[in-house]
Structure formats: structure tokens, C-alpha cells
Amino acid sequence: MSTPVNVTQATFKAEVVESDTPVIVDFWAQWCGPCKKLSPILDEVAEELDGAVKVAKVDVDAERGLSAMFQVMSIPTVLIFHKGKMVDQFAGVQPKEQILARVENLL
């Protein structure tokens, strides 16, 4: 079973940019209500696409540099990376089906 990985500025390149699979990167914070709603949805996506897609989480309070690098202005913000490049993004909570549709064409 695949579970989300916590990513820091130090591990971002190895976990996201150099990943062999598409990566869904969730920028979140502990105090964010919508983030708490999105988290179990992303857990389901990670489990359903076990091994085909990686889900990574970036705590915006702990990783302000990464948040600034990707101009994250509101959370949750989700960036989707494929072959080292950001190919899609959205902000707010989306249903699992919409998130799956965003990554299916990358598989």
C-alpha cells in the first residue's frame, strides 16, 4: 500500500523532480480545515494508484522556501509533476474522481 511521503526542500528534488512516476504534491498546513478534508482523498488516490503515482506532502509552515518557489498563495494547493516538470495544478478540495482524471493521462 502506497502512502503519502513528507517532502522538504532537502528531499524535493529526489522525491518529486527525479521520480520515475507522476507525483501529486499537496501543499498543506496543520491548521487548515480544507487541507484536512483533502488529505484523506489524497490517501485514497495514493492507495488506488499504488506504485503508479506518488503523493507527496509539503507542510507550508515548515517549508516556506518551497511554498515561495511555487508561489503557493492559498492552501491546499496541489501541483502535479511528471518527468520532472509541473504539468498541472489546482487549489482547494476536489473529489477523488477529478484528481484521478488529472493524472490518468500521465500513466
Protein backbone atom coordinates (compact mmCIF):
# COMPACT_ATOMS: atom_id res chain seq x y z
CA MET A 1 0.00 0.00 0.00
CA SER A 2 1.36 3.38 -1.00
CA THR A 3 1.15 6.21 1.49
CA PRO A 4 1.98 9.89 1.05
CA VAL A 5 5.57 10.95 1.73
CA ASN A 6 6.51 14.11 3.57
CA VAL A 7 8.78 16.26 1.42
CA THR A 8 11.16 19.00 2.49
CA GLN A 9 13.30 21.40 0.50
CA ALA A 10 16.19 18.96 1.00
CA THR A 11 14.24 15.95 -0.37
CA PHE A 12 12.10 17.67 -3.03
CA LYS A 13 14.45 17.01 -5.94
CA ALA A 14 14.89 13.30 -5.16
CA GLU A 15 11.24 12.63 -4.26
CA VAL A 16 9.49 14.78 -6.87
CA VAL A 17 11.71 16.02 -9.70
CA GLU A 18 13.64 12.76 -10.14
CA SER A 19 10.64 10.48 -9.59
CA ASP A 20 10.01 7.77 -12.19
CA THR A 21 6.27 8.15 -11.66
CA PRO A 22 3.94 11.17 -11.70
CA VAL A 23 3.87 12.98 -8.34
CA ILE A 24 0.91 14.75 -6.74
CA VAL A 25 2.34 17.38 -4.35
CA ASP A 26 -0.03 18.63 -1.66
CA PHE A 27 0.90 21.96 -0.03
CA TRP A 28 -0.94 21.95 3.30
CA ALA A 29 -0.87 23.14 6.92
CA GLN A 30 -1.98 21.55 10.19
CA TRP A 31 -4.39 24.41 10.97
CA CYS A 32 -6.07 24.38 7.52
CA GLY A 33 -9.63 22.98 7.52
CA PRO A 34 -9.87 22.34 3.75
CA CYS A 35 -6.44 20.64 3.92
CA LYS A 36 -7.86 18.19 6.45
CA LYS A 37 -10.70 17.40 4.02
CA LEU A 38 -8.33 16.88 1.08
CA SER A 39 -5.85 14.70 2.96
CA PRO A 40 -7.98 11.50 3.14
CA ILE A 41 -8.92 11.94 -0.54
CA LEU A 42 -5.22 12.01 -1.48
CA ASP A 43 -4.63 8.99 0.78
CA GLU A 44 -7.26 7.12 -1.27
CA VAL A 45 -5.63 8.24 -4.52
CA ALA A 46 -2.23 7.01 -3.26
CA GLU A 47 -3.74 3.66 -2.31
CA GLU A 48 -5.76 3.26 -5.51
CA LEU A 49 -2.84 4.13 -7.80
CA ASP A 50 -0.34 2.25 -5.64
CA GLY A 51 3.07 2.47 -7.27
CA ALA A 52 1.82 4.23 -10.42
CA VAL A 53 1.64 7.67 -8.79
CA LYS A 54 3.39 9.13 -5.76
CA VAL A 55 1.62 11.51 -3.36
CA ALA A 56 3.91 13.96 -1.57
CA LYS A 57 3.00 16.42 1.17
CA VAL A 58 4.68 19.76 1.87
CA ASP A 59 3.94 21.48 5.19
CA VAL A 60 3.85 25.16 4.20
CA ASP A 61 4.69 26.31 7.73
CA ALA A 62 7.84 24.19 7.87
CA GLU A 63 8.82 24.62 4.22
CA ARG A 64 8.29 28.31 3.45
CA GLY A 65 11.02 28.20 0.78
CA LEU A 66 9.21 25.59 -1.29
CA SER A 67 5.93 27.46 -0.90
CA ALA A 68 7.58 30.64 -2.17
CA MET A 69 9.34 28.81 -5.02
CA PHE A 70 6.00 27.58 -6.38
CA GLN A 71 4.12 30.79 -5.45
CA VAL A 72 1.64 28.97 -3.23
CA MET A 73 -0.75 31.71 -2.11
CA SER A 74 -3.59 29.63 -0.69
CA ILE A 75 -3.86 26.12 0.68
CA PRO A 76 -4.49 23.43 -0.08
CA THR A 77 -2.66 23.84 -3.36
CA VAL A 78 -1.85 20.72 -5.35
CA LEU A 79 0.85 20.57 -8.03
CA ILE A 80 1.21 17.58 -10.34
CA PHE A 81 4.68 16.75 -11.64
CA HIS A 82 5.58 14.38 -14.47
CA LYS A 83 9.09 13.71 -15.74
CA GLY A 84 10.49 16.48 -13.55
CA LYS A 85 8.13 19.24 -14.70
CA MET A 86 4.96 20.69 -13.22
CA VAL A 87 2.16 19.74 -15.62
CA ASP A 88 -0.99 20.66 -13.68
CA GLN A 89 -2.15 22.40 -10.52
CA PHE A 90 -5.29 23.23 -8.58
CA ALA A 91 -6.26 24.89 -5.33
CA GLY A 92 -8.91 23.78 -2.89
CA VAL A 93 -10.62 20.46 -2.32
CA GLN A 94 -11.57 18.35 -5.34
CA PRO A 95 -13.35 15.00 -5.46
CA LYS A 96 -11.20 11.89 -5.87
CA GLU A 97 -12.62 11.27 -9.38
CA GLN A 98 -11.42 14.69 -10.59
CA ILE A 99 -7.95 14.16 -9.14
CA LEU A 100 -7.74 10.70 -10.74
CA ALA A 101 -8.81 12.20 -14.09
CA ARG A 102 -5.98 14.75 -13.84
CA VAL A 103 -3.32 12.03 -13.54
CA GLU A 104 -4.78 9.23 -15.68
CA ASN A 105 -3.41 10.71 -18.91
CA LEU A 106 0.09 10.67 -17.36
CA LEU A 107 0.07 6.93 -16.67
